[in-house]
Each structure stands twice: as structure tokens, then as C-alpha cells.
Amino acid sequence: EDVSVWIFEKKQLETQSKVFQETYINFLKRGITNLSKLKHPNILSILRPIEETTGAIILETEPIFASLRNILRDYTNLANAPPELVNIDLEPLEKKICIFQLVDAVSFLHSKA
């Protein structure tokens, strides 16, 4: 089964205070827990519960190819953007469908979540 694995390395917070680190990690875990409760076709599905190690928080979701940020050609979060991503060129109808799906998900969050 194809999945996407998300890893948050806690060492990214090393320069912050312990209070900030704990607050941030609790915020992150609470957000993941809340996301796992949402069931909508246009909202990312979490497949397995959070796994936490001493150095990381690991999350498994349904497979995704790219973030909206990357589809809109912002690759600053990637060390090396793969050619498959860089060469994506959405047709006008595909763009409209994406916008509709985004609006549908936001509407769900505001009315039912």
C-alpha cells in the first residue's frame, strides 16, 4: 500500500527554550489528533496514529504527490524538486477543480468540523 510518511525532527527546535519546545510539540500532536478525526474526501487522511520517538514525531497518511505550495511552483521547502513536480502544468479545468476541492474542504471545516 502506498503511503506518505511525515517526519518532524525535534532537533529543529534545539535553539528554542524547553517551554517553547514542549508547547510546540504538544500543539503539533494536538493538530495531528484533530486532523485524524476529520473525514472528508478533500482533507488529508491519517492512516496510522502518531509514532513518537525521542528524536522525532512520525505520521503516516494517504499518499500525496506534492503540496499546494509545490504545485504553485514554490519549491523553497525542497532541497531538490523532482522533474515530475517541476514539469507539472495544470490545465485551466484542473485548476478550477482544485479550487473547488479546496473551497469544499474549507466549507466543511467551517460548518461541520
N, C-alpha and C. Protein backbone atom coordinates (compact mmCIF):
# COMPACT_ATOMS: atom_id res chain seq x y z
N GLU A 1 0.85 -1.19 0.00
CA GLU A 1 0.00 0.00 0.00
C GLU A 1 0.89 1.25 0.00
N ASP A 2 0.60 2.17 -0.89
CA ASP A 2 1.34 3.42 -0.95
C ASP A 2 0.91 4.35 0.18
N VAL A 3 1.87 5.01 0.78
CA VAL A 3 1.61 5.97 1.85
C VAL A 3 2.59 7.14 1.71
N SER A 4 2.30 8.20 2.41
CA SER A 4 3.26 9.29 2.59
C SER A 4 3.65 9.30 4.06
N VAL A 5 4.94 9.43 4.32
CA VAL A 5 5.43 9.45 5.69
C VAL A 5 5.95 10.86 5.98
N TRP A 6 5.49 11.42 7.08
CA TRP A 6 5.87 12.75 7.51
C TRP A 6 6.71 12.61 8.77
N ILE A 7 7.86 13.24 8.77
CA ILE A 7 8.75 13.15 9.94
C ILE A 7 9.09 14.56 10.40
N PHE A 8 8.76 14.84 11.64
CA PHE A 8 9.18 16.10 12.25
C PHE A 8 10.31 15.78 13.20
N GLU A 9 11.50 16.29 12.88
CA GLU A 9 12.66 16.03 13.73
C GLU A 9 12.71 17.08 14.83
N LYS A 10 12.70 16.61 16.05
CA LYS A 10 12.66 17.50 17.21
C LYS A 10 13.91 18.37 17.32
N LYS A 11 14.99 17.94 16.69
CA LYS A 11 16.22 18.74 16.76
C LYS A 11 16.06 20.11 16.10
N GLN A 12 15.02 20.27 15.29
CA GLN A 12 14.75 21.57 14.68
C GLN A 12 14.41 22.63 15.74
N LEU A 13 14.05 22.17 16.92
CA LEU A 13 13.68 23.09 18.00
C LEU A 13 14.80 23.30 19.01
N GLU A 14 15.97 22.74 18.76
CA GLU A 14 17.07 22.79 19.73
C GLU A 14 17.42 24.20 20.20
N THR A 15 17.29 25.18 19.33
CA THR A 15 17.68 26.54 19.69
C THR A 15 16.62 27.26 20.52
N GLN A 16 15.46 26.62 20.68
CA GLN A 16 14.37 27.23 21.43
C GLN A 16 14.41 26.79 22.90
N SER A 17 13.69 27.52 23.73
CA SER A 17 13.62 27.16 25.14
C SER A 17 12.85 25.85 25.32
N LYS A 18 13.06 25.20 26.45
CA LYS A 18 12.36 23.94 26.75
C LYS A 18 10.84 24.15 26.77
N VAL A 19 10.42 25.28 27.32
CA VAL A 19 8.97 25.57 27.37
C VAL A 19 8.41 25.68 25.95
N PHE A 20 9.13 26.39 25.09
CA PHE A 20 8.68 26.52 23.70
C PHE A 20 8.65 25.16 23.03
N GLN A 21 9.68 24.35 23.24
CA GLN A 21 9.75 23.02 22.62
C GLN A 21 8.56 22.17 23.02
N GLU A 22 8.27 22.13 24.32
CA GLU A 22 7.14 21.33 24.81
C GLU A 22 5.82 21.86 24.26
N THR A 23 5.66 23.18 24.27
CA THR A 23 4.43 23.79 23.76
C THR A 23 4.25 23.47 22.28
N TYR A 24 5.30 23.60 21.50
CA TYR A 24 5.24 23.37 20.06
C TYR A 24 4.91 21.90 19.77
N ILE A 25 5.58 20.98 20.45
CA ILE A 25 5.35 19.56 20.22
C ILE A 25 3.93 19.17 20.63
N ASN A 26 3.44 19.69 21.74
CA ASN A 26 2.05 19.42 22.14
C ASN A 26 1.05 19.98 21.13
N PHE A 27 1.33 21.18 20.62
CA PHE A 27 0.49 21.80 19.60
C PHE A 27 0.47 20.94 18.34
N LEU A 28 1.63 20.46 17.93
CA LEU A 28 1.74 19.62 16.75
C LEU A 28 0.96 18.31 16.93
N LYS A 29 1.13 17.66 18.07
CA LYS A 29 0.42 16.40 18.32
C LYS A 29 -1.09 16.61 18.40
N ARG A 30 -1.51 17.71 19.01
CA ARG A 30 -2.95 18.01 19.09
C ARG A 30 -3.53 18.25 17.69
N GLY A 31 -2.77 18.95 16.86
CA GLY A 31 -3.22 19.20 15.48
C GLY A 31 -3.35 17.92 14.68
N ILE A 32 -2.39 17.02 14.85
CA ILE A 32 -2.45 15.73 14.16
C ILE A 32 -3.64 14.92 14.65
N THR A 33 -3.87 14.92 15.95
CA THR A 33 -5.01 14.20 16.51
C THR A 33 -6.32 14.76 15.95
N ASN A 34 -6.42 16.08 15.90
CA ASN A 34 -7.63 16.69 15.34
C ASN A 34 -7.80 16.34 13.86
N LEU A 35 -6.71 16.36 13.10
CA LEU A 35 -6.78 16.02 11.69
C LEU A 35 -7.24 14.58 11.50
N SER A 36 -6.80 13.69 12.38
CA SER A 36 -7.18 12.28 12.24
C SER A 36 -8.67 12.06 12.45
N LYS A 37 -9.35 12.98 13.11
CA LYS A 37 -10.78 12.85 13.35
C LYS A 37 -11.62 13.36 12.18
N LEU A 38 -11.02 14.13 11.29
CA LEU A 38 -11.75 14.70 10.17
C LEU A 38 -11.89 13.67 9.05
N LYS A 39 -13.08 13.47 8.57
CA LYS A 39 -13.33 12.54 7.48
C LYS A 39 -14.02 13.29 6.34
N HIS A 40 -13.25 13.60 5.33
CA HIS A 40 -13.77 14.31 4.16
C HIS A 40 -12.86 13.96 2.99
N PRO A 41 -13.41 13.76 1.79
CA PRO A 41 -12.57 13.34 0.67
C PRO A 41 -11.49 14.35 0.26
N ASN A 42 -11.65 15.60 0.63
CA ASN A 42 -10.67 16.62 0.24
C ASN A 42 -9.76 17.05 1.38
N ILE A 43 -9.76 16.28 2.46
CA ILE A 43 -8.87 16.56 3.59
C ILE A 43 -7.98 15.34 3.79
N LEU A 44 -6.71 15.58 3.96
CA LEU A 44 -5.72 14.53 4.09
C LEU A 44 -6.11 13.52 5.17
N SER A 45 -6.04 12.24 4.83
CA SER A 45 -6.40 11.17 5.78
C SER A 45 -5.15 10.60 6.45
N ILE A 46 -5.21 10.52 7.76
CA ILE A 46 -4.13 9.91 8.52
C ILE A 46 -4.43 8.42 8.62
N LEU A 47 -3.46 7.59 8.21
CA LEU A 47 -3.68 6.15 8.17
C LEU A 47 -3.29 5.44 9.45
N ARG A 48 -2.26 5.95 10.11
CA ARG A 48 -1.80 5.33 11.36
C ARG A 48 -1.60 6.41 12.41
N PRO A 49 -1.79 6.06 13.65
CA PRO A 49 -1.61 7.05 14.73
C PRO A 49 -0.17 7.57 14.78
N ILE A 50 -0.01 8.64 15.49
CA ILE A 50 1.31 9.26 15.66
C ILE A 50 2.25 8.27 16.32
N GLU A 51 3.47 8.23 15.80
CA GLU A 51 4.52 7.47 16.47
C GLU A 51 5.56 8.49 16.93
N GLU A 52 5.84 8.48 18.21
CA GLU A 52 6.81 9.45 18.74
C GLU A 52 8.02 8.73 19.28
N THR A 53 9.19 9.19 18.86
CA THR A 53 10.44 8.68 19.39
C THR A 53 11.10 9.83 20.15
N THR A 54 12.25 9.58 20.73
CA THR A 54 12.94 10.66 21.44
C THR A 54 13.38 11.76 20.49
N GLY A 55 13.57 11.42 19.20
CA GLY A 55 14.07 12.42 18.26
C GLY A 55 13.09 12.89 17.22
N ALA A 56 11.91 12.25 17.13
CA ALA A 56 11.01 12.61 16.02
C ALA A 56 9.56 12.28 16.33
N ILE A 57 8.69 12.92 15.56
CA ILE A 57 7.27 12.57 15.53
C ILE A 57 7.01 12.11 14.10
N ILE A 58 6.44 10.91 13.96
CA ILE A 58 6.27 10.30 12.65
C ILE A 58 4.78 10.07 12.41
N LEU A 59 4.36 10.34 11.19
CA LEU A 59 2.96 10.29 10.83
C LEU A 59 2.84 9.63 9.46
N GLU A 60 1.85 8.78 9.28
CA GLU A 60 1.61 8.11 8.01
C GLU A 60 0.25 8.52 7.48
N THR A 61 0.24 9.03 6.24
CA THR A 61 -1.01 9.50 5.63
C THR A 61 -1.22 8.80 4.29
N GLU A 62 -2.38 9.07 3.73
CA GLU A 62 -2.63 8.60 2.37
C GLU A 62 -1.54 9.20 1.47
N PRO A 63 -1.25 8.57 0.35
CA PRO A 63 -0.17 9.08 -0.50
C PRO A 63 -0.52 10.43 -1.13
N ILE A 64 0.45 11.31 -1.14
CA ILE A 64 0.31 12.58 -1.85
C ILE A 64 1.55 12.78 -2.71
N PHE A 65 1.38 13.50 -3.79
CA PHE A 65 2.50 13.74 -4.69
C PHE A 65 3.20 15.05 -4.37
N ALA A 66 2.42 16.06 -4.01
CA ALA A 66 3.01 17.37 -3.76
C ALA A 66 2.07 18.20 -2.90
N SER A 67 2.62 19.24 -2.32
CA SER A 67 1.79 20.17 -1.57
C SER A 67 1.24 21.22 -2.53
N LEU A 68 0.23 21.94 -2.08
CA LEU A 68 -0.30 23.04 -2.89
C LEU A 68 0.80 24.05 -3.18
N ARG A 69 1.63 24.29 -2.20
CA ARG A 69 2.76 25.21 -2.35
C ARG A 69 3.65 24.79 -3.52
N ASN A 70 3.93 23.48 -3.62
CA ASN A 70 4.78 22.99 -4.69
C ASN A 70 4.07 23.01 -6.04
N ILE A 71 2.80 22.70 -6.05
CA ILE A 71 2.03 22.75 -7.31
C ILE A 71 2.02 24.18 -7.85
N LEU A 72 2.02 25.16 -6.95
CA LEU A 72 2.04 26.57 -7.36
C LEU A 72 3.46 27.05 -7.65
N ARG A 73 4.39 26.11 -7.78
CA ARG A 73 5.77 26.35 -8.21
C ARG A 73 6.66 27.03 -7.16
N ASP A 74 6.35 26.83 -5.91
CA ASP A 74 7.23 27.30 -4.83
C ASP A 74 7.92 26.06 -4.28
N TYR A 75 9.22 25.93 -4.57
CA TYR A 75 9.97 24.74 -4.17
C TYR A 75 10.98 25.05 -3.07
N THR A 76 10.81 26.16 -2.38
CA THR A 76 11.79 26.57 -1.37
C THR A 76 11.88 25.58 -0.21
N ASN A 77 10.86 24.76 -0.02
CA ASN A 77 10.89 23.77 1.06
C ASN A 77 11.54 22.46 0.63
N LEU A 78 11.99 22.38 -0.61
CA LEU A 78 12.58 21.15 -1.13
C LEU A 78 14.05 21.38 -1.47
N ALA A 79 14.90 20.44 -1.09
CA ALA A 79 16.31 20.54 -1.44
C ALA A 79 16.48 20.39 -2.95
N ASN A 80 15.83 19.40 -3.51
CA ASN A 80 15.87 19.15 -4.96
C ASN A 80 14.48 18.78 -5.43
N ALA A 81 13.83 19.68 -6.15
CA ALA A 81 12.50 19.39 -6.66
C ALA A 81 12.62 18.39 -7.80
N PRO A 82 11.89 17.27 -7.73
CA PRO A 82 11.97 16.27 -8.80
C PRO A 82 11.39 16.81 -10.10
N PRO A 83 11.92 16.35 -11.23
CA PRO A 83 11.43 16.83 -12.54
C PRO A 83 9.93 16.60 -12.72
N GLU A 84 9.41 15.49 -12.14
CA GLU A 84 7.97 15.21 -12.28
C GLU A 84 7.14 16.33 -11.66
N LEU A 85 7.66 16.96 -10.64
CA LEU A 85 6.96 18.05 -9.97
C LEU A 85 7.16 19.36 -10.73
N VAL A 86 8.38 19.62 -11.11
CA VAL A 86 8.70 20.87 -11.81
C VAL A 86 7.96 20.96 -13.15
N ASN A 87 7.76 19.82 -13.79
CA ASN A 87 7.15 19.80 -15.12
C ASN A 87 5.63 19.72 -15.11
N ILE A 88 5.02 19.79 -13.93
CA ILE A 88 3.56 19.77 -13.85
C ILE A 88 3.02 21.07 -14.44
N ASP A 89 2.07 20.92 -15.33
CA ASP A 89 1.41 22.09 -15.91
C ASP A 89 -0.09 21.80 -15.93
N LEU A 90 -0.80 22.34 -14.96
CA LEU A 90 -2.24 22.08 -14.86
C LEU A 90 -3.01 22.83 -15.93
N GLU A 91 -3.98 22.14 -16.50
CA GLU A 91 -4.89 22.76 -17.46
C GLU A 91 -5.87 23.66 -16.69
N PRO A 92 -6.46 24.63 -17.37
CA PRO A 92 -7.41 25.52 -16.68
C PRO A 92 -8.53 24.77 -15.95
N LEU A 93 -9.06 23.71 -16.54
CA LEU A 93 -10.12 22.94 -15.88
C LEU A 93 -9.59 22.26 -14.63
N GLU A 94 -8.37 21.74 -14.67
CA GLU A 94 -7.77 21.11 -13.49
C GLU A 94 -7.59 22.13 -12.37
N LYS A 95 -7.21 23.33 -12.71
CA LYS A 95 -7.05 24.39 -11.71
C LYS A 95 -8.40 24.72 -11.08
N LYS A 96 -9.44 24.77 -11.88
CA LYS A 96 -10.78 25.05 -11.35
C LYS A 96 -11.24 23.94 -10.41
N ILE A 97 -10.96 22.71 -10.78
CA ILE A 97 -11.34 21.57 -9.93
C ILE A 97 -10.59 21.65 -8.60
N CYS A 98 -9.30 21.98 -8.64
CA CYS A 98 -8.51 22.12 -7.41
C CYS A 98 -9.09 23.20 -6.51
N ILE A 99 -9.45 24.33 -7.09
CA ILE A 99 -10.02 25.42 -6.30
C ILE A 99 -11.35 24.99 -5.70
N PHE A 100 -12.17 24.29 -6.48
CA PHE A 100 -13.45 23.80 -5.96
C PHE A 100 -13.22 22.86 -4.77
N GLN A 101 -12.26 21.93 -4.91
CA GLN A 101 -11.99 20.99 -3.83
C GLN A 101 -11.49 21.70 -2.58
N LEU A 102 -10.67 22.71 -2.75
CA LEU A 102 -10.17 23.49 -1.62
C LEU A 102 -11.31 24.22 -0.92
N VAL A 103 -12.18 24.85 -1.69
CA VAL A 103 -13.33 25.57 -1.12
C VAL A 103 -14.27 24.59 -0.42
N ASP A 104 -14.47 23.42 -1.02
CA ASP A 104 -15.33 22.41 -0.42
C ASP A 104 -14.78 21.97 0.94
N ALA A 105 -13.47 21.75 1.01
CA ALA A 105 -12.85 21.33 2.28
C ALA A 105 -12.95 22.43 3.33
N VAL A 106 -12.70 23.67 2.95
CA VAL A 106 -12.79 24.79 3.90
C VAL A 106 -14.23 24.95 4.38
N SER A 107 -15.17 24.81 3.48
CA SER A 107 -16.58 24.90 3.85
C SER A 107 -16.94 23.81 4.87
N PHE A 108 -16.46 22.60 4.64
CA PHE A 108 -16.67 21.51 5.59
C PHE A 108 -16.10 21.84 6.96
N LEU A 109 -14.87 22.37 6.97
CA LEU A 109 -14.23 22.72 8.24
C LEU A 109 -15.01 23.77 9.00
N HIS A 110 -15.57 24.73 8.29
CA HIS A 110 -16.32 25.81 8.95
C HIS A 110 -17.70 25.38 9.41
N SER A 111 -18.29 24.44 8.71
CA SER A 111 -19.68 24.10 9.03
C SER A 111 -19.85 22.80 9.84
N LYS A 112 -18.94 21.84 9.69
CA LYS A 112 -19.17 20.54 10.30
C LYS A 112 -18.04 20.03 11.18
N ALA A 113 -16.88 20.62 11.10
CA ALA A 113 -15.74 20.10 11.86
C ALA A 113 -15.70 20.66 13.27
